[in-house]
């Protein structure tokens, strides 16, 4: 083999970046469960308080999360990131929907 047979290394062709749906910086929405608040006893009128309910929150994916199929996300108007996961077929939610994990 001579020096004329050696070909120089050629870098791969450039491609345009196409982000996936859950890449950092992408918008998403998930469900946040607000826990029940136990109220005071009002005698014959029953108890006051609010039952547990779910709220839909929108925000931006920050990075990949600590669990499989999980991401760190920041809700609009908030500063602290939260962990969100994709619901599986054994979860109570519809498979594929996102929900907030309480750490």
PDB file of N, CA and C in Angstrom:
ATOM      1  N   UNK A   1       0.836  -1.165   0.000  1.00  0.00           N
ATOM      2  CA  UNK A   1       0.000   0.000   0.000  1.00  0.00           C
ATOM      3  C   UNK A   1       0.888   1.237   0.000  1.00  0.00           C
ATOM      4  N   UNK A   2       0.592   2.121  -0.877  1.00  0.00           N
ATOM      5  CA  UNK A   2       1.391   3.341  -0.981  1.00  0.00           C
ATOM      6  C   UNK A   2       0.597   4.517  -0.430  1.00  0.00           C
ATOM      7  N   UNK A   3       1.211   5.641  -0.354  1.00  0.00           N
ATOM      8  CA  UNK A   3       0.559   6.852   0.150  1.00  0.00           C
ATOM      9  C   UNK A   3      -0.565   7.309  -0.772  1.00  0.00           C
ATOM     10  N   UNK A   4      -0.522   6.931  -2.029  1.00  0.00           N
ATOM     11  CA  UNK A   4      -1.556   7.358  -2.957  1.00  0.00           C
ATOM     12  C   UNK A   4      -2.862   6.577  -2.757  1.00  0.00           C
ATOM     13  N   UNK A   5      -2.798   5.396  -2.129  1.00  0.00           N
ATOM     14  CA  UNK A   5      -3.992   4.592  -1.922  1.00  0.00           C
ATOM     15  C   UNK A   5      -4.792   5.011  -0.688  1.00  0.00           C
ATOM     16  N   UNK A   6      -4.230   5.803   0.179  1.00  0.00           N
ATOM     17  CA  UNK A   6      -4.903   6.209   1.408  1.00  0.00           C
ATOM     18  C   UNK A   6      -5.828   7.400   1.108  1.00  0.00           C
ATOM     19  N   UNK A   7      -7.104   7.260   1.495  1.00  0.00           N
ATOM     20  CA  UNK A   7      -8.060   8.348   1.276  1.00  0.00           C
ATOM     21  C   UNK A   7      -8.219   9.152   2.563  1.00  0.00           C
ATOM     22  N   UNK A   8      -8.343  10.450   2.438  1.00  0.00           N
ATOM     23  CA  UNK A   8      -8.536  11.257   3.650  1.00  0.00           C
ATOM     24  C   UNK A   8      -9.935  11.000   4.229  1.00  0.00           C
ATOM     25  N   UNK A   9     -10.042  11.188   5.555  1.00  0.00           N
ATOM     26  CA  UNK A   9     -11.319  10.993   6.229  1.00  0.00           C
ATOM     27  C   UNK A   9     -12.279  12.113   5.853  1.00  0.00           C
ATOM     28  N   UNK A  10     -13.512  11.750   5.565  1.00  0.00           N
ATOM     29  CA  UNK A  10     -14.513  12.740   5.178  1.00  0.00           C
ATOM     30  C   UNK A  10     -15.606  12.749   6.237  1.00  0.00           C
ATOM     31  N   UNK A  11     -15.918  13.891   6.820  1.00  0.00           N
ATOM     32  CA  UNK A  11     -16.967  13.937   7.844  1.00  0.00           C
ATOM     33  C   UNK A  11     -18.339  13.635   7.223  1.00  0.00           C
ATOM     34  N   UNK A  12     -19.273  13.160   8.027  1.00  0.00           N
ATOM     35  CA  UNK A  12     -20.608  12.876   7.486  1.00  0.00           C
ATOM     36  C   UNK A  12     -21.317  14.158   7.054  1.00  0.00           C
ATOM     37  N   UNK A  13     -22.281  14.016   6.177  1.00  0.00           N
ATOM     38  CA  UNK A  13     -23.017  15.170   5.675  1.00  0.00           C
ATOM     39  C   UNK A  13     -23.822  15.808   6.810  1.00  0.00           C
ATOM     40  N   UNK A  14     -23.983  17.112   6.759  1.00  0.00           N
ATOM     41  CA  UNK A  14     -24.751  17.823   7.787  1.00  0.00           C
ATOM     42  C   UNK A  14     -26.238  17.617   7.550  1.00  0.00           C
ATOM     43  N   UNK A  15     -26.963  17.504   8.665  1.00  0.00           N
ATOM     44  CA  UNK A  15     -28.415  17.391   8.594  1.00  0.00           C
ATOM     45  C   UNK A  15     -29.037  18.476   9.430  1.00  0.00           C
ATOM     46  N   UNK A  16     -30.234  18.857   9.078  1.00  0.00           N
ATOM     47  CA  UNK A  16     -30.959  19.837   9.863  1.00  0.00           C
ATOM     48  C   UNK A  16     -31.477  19.174  11.131  1.00  0.00           C
ATOM     49  N   UNK A  17     -31.386  19.876  12.247  1.00  0.00           N
ATOM     50  CA  UNK A  17     -31.835  19.320  13.524  1.00  0.00           C
ATOM     51  C   UNK A  17     -33.354  19.322  13.571  1.00  0.00           C
ATOM     52  N   UNK A  18     -33.934  18.145  13.809  1.00  0.00           N
ATOM     53  CA  UNK A  18     -35.374  18.006  13.965  1.00  0.00           C
ATOM     54  C   UNK A  18     -35.633  17.431  15.352  1.00  0.00           C
ATOM     55  N   UNK A  19     -36.057  18.264  16.308  1.00  0.00           N
ATOM     56  CA  UNK A  19     -36.255  17.771  17.679  1.00  0.00           C
ATOM     57  C   UNK A  19     -37.423  16.803  17.762  1.00  0.00           C
ATOM     58  N   UNK A  20     -37.288  15.833  18.659  1.00  0.00           N
ATOM     59  CA  UNK A  20     -38.372  14.893  18.942  1.00  0.00           C
ATOM     60  C   UNK A  20     -39.340  15.543  19.919  1.00  0.00           C
ATOM     61  N   UNK A  21     -40.540  14.958  20.104  1.00  0.00           N
ATOM     62  CA  UNK A  21     -41.543  15.607  20.962  1.00  0.00           C
ATOM     63  C   UNK A  21     -41.091  15.848  22.402  1.00  0.00           C
ATOM     64  N   UNK A  22     -40.254  14.999  22.979  1.00  0.00           N
ATOM     65  CA  UNK A  22     -39.862  15.187  24.376  1.00  0.00           C
ATOM     66  C   UNK A  22     -38.391  15.582  24.528  1.00  0.00           C
ATOM     67  N   UNK A  23     -37.804  16.197  23.529  1.00  0.00           N
ATOM     68  CA  UNK A  23     -36.452  16.740  23.658  1.00  0.00           C
ATOM     69  C   UNK A  23     -36.494  18.015  24.483  1.00  0.00           C
ATOM     70  N   UNK A  24     -35.353  18.407  25.029  1.00  0.00           N
ATOM     71  CA  UNK A  24     -35.276  19.620  25.848  1.00  0.00           C
ATOM     72  C   UNK A  24     -35.728  20.832  25.041  1.00  0.00           C
ATOM     73  N   UNK A  25     -36.544  21.668  25.679  1.00  0.00           N
ATOM     74  CA  UNK A  25     -37.042  22.870  25.029  1.00  0.00           C
ATOM     75  C   UNK A  25     -38.404  22.711  24.380  1.00  0.00           C
ATOM     76  N   UNK A  26     -38.929  21.502  24.307  1.00  0.00           N
ATOM     77  CA  UNK A  26     -40.233  21.269  23.679  1.00  0.00           C
ATOM     78  C   UNK A  26     -41.361  21.535  24.662  1.00  0.00           C
ATOM     79  N   UNK A  27     -42.500  21.981  24.156  1.00  0.00           N
ATOM     80  CA  UNK A  27     -43.675  22.256  24.970  1.00  0.00           C
ATOM     81  C   UNK A  27     -44.452  20.963  25.210  1.00  0.00           C
ATOM     82  N   UNK A  28     -45.046  20.820  26.398  1.00  0.00           N
ATOM     83  CA  UNK A  28     -45.874  19.659  26.711  1.00  0.00           C
ATOM     84  C   UNK A  28     -46.864  20.038  27.803  1.00  0.00           C
ATOM     85  N   UNK A  29     -47.852  19.177  28.023  1.00  0.00           N
ATOM     86  CA  UNK A  29     -48.808  19.385  29.111  1.00  0.00           C
ATOM     87  C   UNK A  29     -48.968  18.073  29.852  1.00  0.00           C
ATOM     88  N   UNK A  30     -49.212  18.176  31.166  1.00  0.00           N
ATOM     89  CA  UNK A  30     -49.331  16.986  31.998  1.00  0.00           C
ATOM     90  C   UNK A  30     -50.365  17.234  33.083  1.00  0.00           C
ATOM     91  N   UNK A  31     -50.732  16.152  33.779  1.00  0.00           N
ATOM     92  CA  UNK A  31     -51.714  16.254  34.864  1.00  0.00           C
ATOM     93  C   UNK A  31     -51.005  16.356  36.208  1.00  0.00           C
ATOM     94  N   UNK A  32     -51.487  17.271  37.025  1.00  0.00           N
ATOM     95  CA  UNK A  32     -50.977  17.439  38.381  1.00  0.00           C
ATOM     96  C   UNK A  32     -52.132  17.149  39.333  1.00  0.00           C
ATOM     97  N   UNK A  33     -51.931  16.263  40.296  1.00  0.00           N
ATOM     98  CA  UNK A  33     -52.971  15.930  41.258  1.00  0.00           C
ATOM     99  C   UNK A  33     -52.839  16.845  42.473  1.00  0.00           C
ATOM    100  N   UNK A  34     -53.897  17.568  42.750  1.00  0.00           N
ATOM    101  CA  UNK A  34     -53.948  18.427  43.924  1.00  0.00           C
ATOM    102  C   UNK A  34     -54.551  17.594  45.053  1.00  0.00           C
ATOM    103  N   UNK A  35     -53.836  17.380  46.169  1.00  0.00           N
ATOM    104  CA  UNK A  35     -54.361  16.521  47.236  1.00  0.00           C
ATOM    105  C   UNK A  35     -55.566  17.141  47.938  1.00  0.00           C
ATOM    106  N   UNK A  36     -56.334  16.291  48.574  1.00  0.00           N
ATOM    107  CA  UNK A  36     -57.512  16.747  49.308  1.00  0.00           C
ATOM    108  C   UNK A  36     -57.079  17.548  50.526  1.00  0.00           C
ATOM    109  N   UNK A  37     -57.880  18.550  50.860  1.00  0.00           N
ATOM    110  CA  UNK A  37     -57.636  19.366  52.045  1.00  0.00           C
ATOM    111  C   UNK A  37     -58.747  19.051  53.035  1.00  0.00           C
ATOM    112  N   UNK A  38     -58.357  18.603  54.186  1.00  0.00           N
ATOM    113  CA  UNK A  38     -59.342  18.268  55.206  1.00  0.00           C
ATOM    114  C   UNK A  38     -59.761  19.529  55.936  1.00  0.00           C
ATOM    115  N   UNK A  39     -61.038  19.728  56.008  1.00  0.00           N
ATOM    116  CA  UNK A  39     -61.559  20.931  56.650  1.00  0.00           C
ATOM    117  C   UNK A  39     -61.974  20.663  58.073  1.00  0.00           C
ATOM    118  N   UNK A  40     -62.575  21.649  58.655  1.00  0.00           N
ATOM    119  CA  UNK A  40     -63.026  21.520  60.037  1.00  0.00           C
ATOM    120  C   UNK A  40     -64.429  20.925  60.068  1.00  0.00           C
ATOM    121  N   UNK A  41     -64.779  20.346  61.180  1.00  0.00           N
ATOM    122  CA  UNK A  41     -66.093  19.741  61.345  1.00  0.00           C
ATOM    123  C   UNK A  41     -67.106  20.833  61.653  1.00  0.00           C
ATOM    124  N   UNK A  42     -68.182  20.867  60.865  1.00  0.00           N
ATOM    125  CA  UNK A  42     -69.193  21.897  61.048  1.00  0.00           C
ATOM    126  C   UNK A  42     -70.482  21.341  61.672  1.00  0.00           C
ATOM    127  N   UNK A  43     -70.386  20.295  62.451  1.00  0.00           N
ATOM    128  CA  UNK A  43     -71.558  19.742  63.129  1.00  0.00           C
ATOM    129  C   UNK A  43     -72.502  19.051  62.160  1.00  0.00           C
ATOM    130  N   UNK A  44     -73.758  19.474  62.150  1.00  0.00           N
ATOM    131  CA  UNK A  44     -74.753  18.814  61.302  1.00  0.00           C
ATOM    132  C   UNK A  44     -74.569  19.144  59.826  1.00  0.00           C
ATOM    133  N   UNK A  45     -73.786  20.154  59.518  1.00  0.00           N
ATOM    134  CA  UNK A  45     -73.594  20.546  58.122  1.00  0.00           C
ATOM    135  C   UNK A  45     -72.490  19.750  57.428  1.00  0.00           C
ATOM    136  N   UNK A  46     -71.822  18.891  58.143  1.00  0.00           N
ATOM    137  CA  UNK A  46     -70.753  18.089  57.555  1.00  0.00           C
ATOM    138  C   UNK A  46     -69.398  18.755  57.671  1.00  0.00           C
ATOM    139  N   UNK A  47     -68.469  18.243  56.896  1.00  0.00           N
ATOM    140  CA  UNK A  47     -67.099  18.773  56.922  1.00  0.00           C
ATOM    141  C   UNK A  47     -66.874  19.741  55.769  1.00  0.00           C
ATOM    142  N   UNK A  48     -66.015  20.691  56.010  1.00  0.00           N
ATOM    143  CA  UNK A  48     -65.610  21.598  54.938  1.00  0.00           C
ATOM    144  C   UNK A  48     -64.271  21.113  54.406  1.00  0.00           C
ATOM    145  N   UNK A  49     -63.904  21.549  53.239  1.00  0.00           N
ATOM    146  CA  UNK A  49     -62.635  21.166  52.638  1.00  0.00           C
ATOM    147  C   UNK A  49     -62.835  20.918  51.154  1.00  0.00           C
ATOM    148  N   UNK A  50     -61.772  20.534  50.493  1.00  0.00           N
ATOM    149  CA  UNK A  50     -61.860  20.259  49.061  1.00  0.00           C
ATOM    150  C   UNK A  50     -61.404  18.834  48.787  1.00  0.00           C
ATOM    151  N   UNK A  51     -62.048  18.139  47.874  1.00  0.00           N
ATOM    152  CA  UNK A  51     -61.603  16.788  47.520  1.00  0.00           C
ATOM    153  C   UNK A  51     -60.387  16.849  46.602  1.00  0.00           C
ATOM    154  N   UNK A  52     -59.715  15.729  46.461  1.00  0.00           N
ATOM    155  CA  UNK A  52     -58.567  15.658  45.551  1.00  0.00           C
ATOM    156  C   UNK A  52     -59.068  15.811  44.116  1.00  0.00           C
ATOM    157  N   UNK A  53     -58.293  16.518  43.305  1.00  0.00           N
ATOM    158  CA  UNK A  53     -58.675  16.698  41.901  1.00  0.00           C
ATOM    159  C   UNK A  53     -57.421  16.875  41.050  1.00  0.00           C
ATOM    160  N   UNK A  54     -57.577  16.670  39.747  1.00  0.00           N
ATOM    161  CA  UNK A  54     -56.453  16.778  38.809  1.00  0.00           C
ATOM    162  C   UNK A  54     -56.562  18.075  38.016  1.00  0.00           C
ATOM    163  N   UNK A  55     -55.418  18.693  37.746  1.00  0.00           N
ATOM    164  CA  UNK A  55     -55.339  19.929  36.983  1.00  0.00           C
ATOM    165  C   UNK A  55     -54.362  19.698  35.838  1.00  0.00           C
ATOM    166  N   UNK A  56     -54.671  20.206  34.658  1.00  0.00           N
ATOM    167  CA  UNK A  56     -53.748  20.112  33.528  1.00  0.00           C
ATOM    168  C   UNK A  56     -52.805  21.304  33.557  1.00  0.00           C
ATOM    169  N   UNK A  57     -51.500  21.023  33.489  1.00  0.00           N
ATOM    170  CA  UNK A  57     -50.457  22.044  33.565  1.00  0.00           C
ATOM    171  C   UNK A  57     -49.660  22.005  32.266  1.00  0.00           C
ATOM    172  N   UNK A  58     -49.321  23.165  31.730  1.00  0.00           N
ATOM    173  CA  UNK A  58     -48.494  23.251  30.523  1.00  0.00           C
ATOM    174  C   UNK A  58     -47.120  23.796  30.897  1.00  0.00           C
ATOM    175  N   UNK A  59     -46.115  23.374  30.160  1.00  0.00           N
ATOM    176  CA  UNK A  59     -44.768  23.844  30.438  1.00  0.00           C
ATOM    177  C   UNK A  59     -43.787  23.387  29.376  1.00  0.00           C
ATOM    178  N   UNK A  60     -42.527  23.374  29.756  1.00  0.00           N
ATOM    179  CA  UNK A  60     -41.434  23.077  28.828  1.00  0.00           C
ATOM    180  C   UNK A  60     -40.562  21.970  29.401  1.00  0.00           C
ATOM    181  N   UNK A  61     -40.146  21.041  28.545  1.00  0.00           N
ATOM    182  CA  UNK A  61     -39.251  19.964  28.969  1.00  0.00           C
ATOM    183  C   UNK A  61     -37.879  20.558  29.222  1.00  0.00           C
ATOM    184  N   UNK A  62     -37.288  20.212  30.364  1.00  0.00           N
ATOM    185  CA  UNK A  62     -35.990  20.749  30.756  1.00  0.00           C
ATOM    186  C   UNK A  62     -34.874  19.783  30.400  1.00  0.00           C
ATOM    187  N   UNK A  63     -35.023  18.490  30.770  1.00  0.00           N
ATOM    188  CA  UNK A  63     -34.034  17.471  30.442  1.00  0.00           C
ATOM    189  C   UNK A  63     -34.633  16.093  30.695  1.00  0.00           C
ATOM    190  N   UNK A  64     -33.857  15.054  30.417  1.00  0.00           N
ATOM    191  CA  UNK A  64     -34.346  13.702  30.704  1.00  0.00           C
ATOM    192  C   UNK A  64     -34.363  13.487  32.212  1.00  0.00           C
ATOM    193  N   UNK A  65     -35.239  12.594  32.669  1.00  0.00           N
ATOM    194  CA  UNK A  65     -35.462  12.415  34.094  1.00  0.00           C
ATOM    195  C   UNK A  65     -34.715  11.255  34.702  1.00  0.00           C
ATOM    196  N   UNK A  66     -34.928  11.012  35.991  1.00  0.00           N
ATOM    197  CA  UNK A  66     -34.193   9.975  36.718  1.00  0.00           C
ATOM    198  C   UNK A  66     -34.740   8.561  36.521  1.00  0.00           C
ATOM    199  N   UNK A  67     -35.940   8.433  35.950  1.00  0.00           N
ATOM    200  CA  UNK A  67     -36.556   7.120  35.750  1.00  0.00           C
ATOM    201  C   UNK A  67     -36.743   6.868  34.254  1.00  0.00           C
ATOM    202  N   UNK A  68     -36.987   5.608  33.868  1.00  0.00           N
ATOM    203  CA  UNK A  68     -37.321   5.350  32.461  1.00  0.00           C
ATOM    204  C   UNK A  68     -38.617   6.068  32.085  1.00  0.00           C
ATOM    205  N   UNK A  69     -38.683   6.587  30.893  1.00  0.00           N
ATOM    206  CA  UNK A  69     -39.846   7.337  30.393  1.00  0.00           C
ATOM    207  C   UNK A  69     -40.221   8.479  31.322  1.00  0.00           C
ATOM    208  N   UNK A  70     -39.227   9.222  31.802  1.00  0.00           N
ATOM    209  CA  UNK A  70     -39.492  10.380  32.652  1.00  0.00           C
ATOM    210  C   UNK A  70     -38.631  11.558  32.192  1.00  0.00           C
ATOM    211  N   UNK A  71     -39.108  12.769  32.515  1.00  0.00           N
ATOM    212  CA  UNK A  71     -38.427  13.987  32.130  1.00  0.00           C
ATOM    213  C   UNK A  71     -38.557  15.005  33.240  1.00  0.00           C
ATOM    214  N   UNK A  72     -37.584  15.932  33.309  1.00  0.00           N
ATOM    215  CA  UNK A  72     -37.699  17.097  34.172  1.00  0.00           C
ATOM    216  C   UNK A  72     -38.388  18.158  33.333  1.00  0.00           C
ATOM    217  N   UNK A  73     -39.402  18.825  33.904  1.00  0.00           N
ATOM    218  CA  UNK A  73     -40.135  19.862  33.185  1.00  0.00           C
ATOM    219  C   UNK A  73     -40.386  21.041  34.119  1.00  0.00           C
ATOM    220  N   UNK A  74     -40.514  22.212  33.519  1.00  0.00           N
ATOM    221  CA  UNK A  74     -40.799  23.436  34.271  1.00  0.00           C
ATOM    222  C   UNK A  74     -42.144  23.959  33.791  1.00  0.00           C
ATOM    223  N   UNK A  75     -43.091  24.117  34.713  1.00  0.00           N
ATOM    224  CA  UNK A  75     -44.417  24.634  34.372  1.00  0.00           C
ATOM    225  C   UNK A  75     -44.334  26.132  34.102  1.00  0.00           C
ATOM    226  N   UNK A  76     -45.254  26.619  33.289  1.00  0.00           N
ATOM    227  CA  UNK A  76     -45.311  28.049  32.993  1.00  0.00           C
ATOM    228  C   UNK A  76     -45.587  28.836  34.266  1.00  0.00           C
ATOM    229  N   UNK A  77     -44.797  29.861  34.498  1.00  0.00           N
ATOM    230  CA  UNK A  77     -44.986  30.709  35.671  1.00  0.00           C
ATOM    231  C   UNK A  77     -44.362  30.159  36.941  1.00  0.00           C
ATOM    232  N   UNK A  78     -43.692  29.027  36.883  1.00  0.00           N
ATOM    233  CA  UNK A  78     -43.032  28.448  38.050  1.00  0.00           C
ATOM    234  C   UNK A  78     -41.531  28.372  37.793  1.00  0.00           C
ATOM    235  N   UNK A  79     -40.759  28.225  38.848  1.00  0.00           N
ATOM    236  CA  UNK A  79     -39.304  28.172  38.704  1.00  0.00           C
ATOM    237  C   UNK A  79     -38.720  26.800  38.994  1.00  0.00           C
ATOM    238  N   UNK A  80     -39.406  26.009  39.822  1.00  0.00           N
ATOM    239  CA  UNK A  80     -38.877  24.707  40.232  1.00  0.00           C
ATOM    240  C   UNK A  80     -39.254  23.632  39.214  1.00  0.00           C
ATOM    241  N   UNK A  81     -38.275  22.857  38.744  1.00  0.00           N
ATOM    242  CA  UNK A  81     -38.619  21.761  37.833  1.00  0.00           C
ATOM    243  C   UNK A  81     -39.264  20.597  38.593  1.00  0.00           C
ATOM    244  N   UNK A  82     -40.109  19.852  37.907  1.00  0.00           N
ATOM    245  CA  UNK A  82     -40.772  18.683  38.468  1.00  0.00           C
ATOM    246  C   UNK A  82     -40.500  17.498  37.545  1.00  0.00           C
ATOM    247  N   UNK A  83     -40.673  16.301  38.074  1.00  0.00           N
ATOM    248  CA  UNK A  83     -40.489  15.092  37.271  1.00  0.00           C
ATOM    249  C   UNK A  83     -41.849  14.692  36.714  1.00  0.00           C
ATOM    250  N   UNK A  84     -41.900  14.471  35.395  1.00  0.00           N
ATOM    251  CA  UNK A  84     -43.124  13.974  34.778  1.00  0.00           C
ATOM    252  C   UNK A  84     -42.818  12.627  34.143  1.00  0.00           C
ATOM    253  N   UNK A  85     -43.815  11.746  34.126  1.00  0.00           N
ATOM    254  CA  UNK A  85     -43.658  10.411  33.544  1.00  0.00           C
ATOM    255  C   UNK A  85     -44.765  10.143  32.546  1.00  0.00           C
ATOM    256  N   UNK A  86     -44.495   9.212  31.659  1.00  0.00           N
ATOM    257  CA  UNK A  86     -45.501   8.764  30.716  1.00  0.00           C
ATOM    258  C   UNK A  86     -46.215   7.566  31.326  1.00  0.00           C
ATOM    259  N   UNK A  87     -47.544   7.609  31.347  1.00  0.00           N
ATOM    260  CA  UNK A  87     -48.338   6.534  31.946  1.00  0.00           C
ATOM    261  C   UNK A  87     -48.234   5.269  31.096  1.00  0.00           C
ATOM    262  N   UNK A  88     -48.064   4.139  31.755  1.00  0.00           N
ATOM    263  CA  UNK A  88     -48.008   2.858  31.074  1.00  0.00           C
ATOM    264  C   UNK A  88     -49.363   2.186  31.066  1.00  0.00           C
ATOM    265  N   UNK A  89     -49.423   0.974  30.532  1.00  0.00           N
ATOM    266  CA  UNK A  89     -50.714   0.294  30.425  1.00  0.00           C
ATOM    267  C   UNK A  89     -51.251  -0.163  31.777  1.00  0.00           C
ATOM    268  N   UNK A  90     -50.411  -0.245  32.804  1.00  0.00           N
ATOM    269  CA  UNK A  90     -50.872  -0.658  34.137  1.00  0.00           C
ATOM    270  C   UNK A  90     -51.259   0.512  35.021  1.00  0.00           C
ATOM    271  N   UNK A  91     -51.028   1.731  34.562  1.00  0.00           N
ATOM    272  CA  UNK A  91     -51.373   2.908  35.362  1.00  0.00           C
ATOM    273  C   UNK A  91     -52.863   3.208  35.269  1.00  0.00           C
ATOM    274  N   UNK A  92     -53.340   4.010  36.205  1.00  0.00           N
ATOM    275  CA  UNK A  92     -54.755   4.382  36.243  1.00  0.00           C
ATOM    276  C   UNK A  92     -55.096   5.309  35.078  1.00  0.00           C
ATOM    277  N   UNK A  93     -54.158   6.170  34.688  1.00  0.00           N
ATOM    278  CA  UNK A  93     -54.400   7.114  33.604  1.00  0.00           C
ATOM    279  C   UNK A  93     -54.371   6.414  32.257  1.00  0.00           C
ATOM    280  N   UNK A  94     -54.805   7.134  31.235  1.00  0.00           N
ATOM    281  CA  UNK A  94     -54.756   6.607  29.877  1.00  0.00           C
ATOM    282  C   UNK A  94     -53.301   6.394  29.473  1.00  0.00           C
ATOM    283  N   UNK A  95     -53.011   5.253  28.845  1.00  0.00           N
ATOM    284  CA  UNK A  95     -51.632   4.931  28.448  1.00  0.00           C
ATOM    285  C   UNK A  95     -51.090   6.005  27.520  1.00  0.00           C
ATOM    286  N   UNK A  96     -49.901   6.469  27.796  1.00  0.00           N
ATOM    287  CA  UNK A  96     -49.259   7.472  26.975  1.00  0.00           C
ATOM    288  C   UNK A  96     -49.440   8.900  27.472  1.00  0.00           C
ATOM    289  N   UNK A  97     -50.349   9.132  28.409  1.00  0.00           N
ATOM    290  CA  UNK A  97     -50.531  10.493  28.923  1.00  0.00           C
ATOM    291  C   UNK A  97     -49.436  10.786  29.963  1.00  0.00           C
ATOM    292  N   UNK A  98     -49.160  12.047  30.182  1.00  0.00           N
ATOM    293  CA  UNK A  98     -48.115  12.461  31.103  1.00  0.00           C
ATOM    294  C   UNK A  98     -48.725  12.860  32.442  1.00  0.00           C
ATOM    295  N   UNK A  99     -48.001  12.537  33.536  1.00  0.00           N
ATOM    296  CA  UNK A  99     -48.441  12.936  34.865  1.00  0.00           C
ATOM    297  C   UNK A  99     -47.244  13.318  35.708  1.00  0.00           C
ATOM    298  N   UNK A 100     -47.479  14.153  36.719  1.00  0.00           N
ATOM    299  CA  UNK A 100     -46.415  14.635  37.599  1.00  0.00           C
ATOM    300  C   UNK A 100     -46.151  13.625  38.707  1.00  0.00           C
ATOM    301  N   UNK A 101     -44.877  13.360  38.981  1.00  0.00           N
ATOM    302  CA  UNK A 101     -44.468  12.426  40.029  1.00  0.00           C
ATOM    303  C   UNK A 101     -44.155  13.224  41.286  1.00  0.00           C
ATOM    304  N   UNK A 102     -44.689  12.785  42.413  1.00  0.00           N
ATOM    305  CA  UNK A 102     -44.388  13.438  43.683  1.00  0.00           C
ATOM    306  C   UNK A 102     -43.177  12.754  44.284  1.00  0.00           C
ATOM    307  N   UNK A 103     -42.084  13.508  44.435  1.00  0.00           N
ATOM    308  CA  UNK A 103     -40.844  12.934  44.964  1.00  0.00           C
ATOM    309  C   UNK A 103     -40.811  12.981  46.456  1.00  0.00           C
TER     310      UNK A 103
END
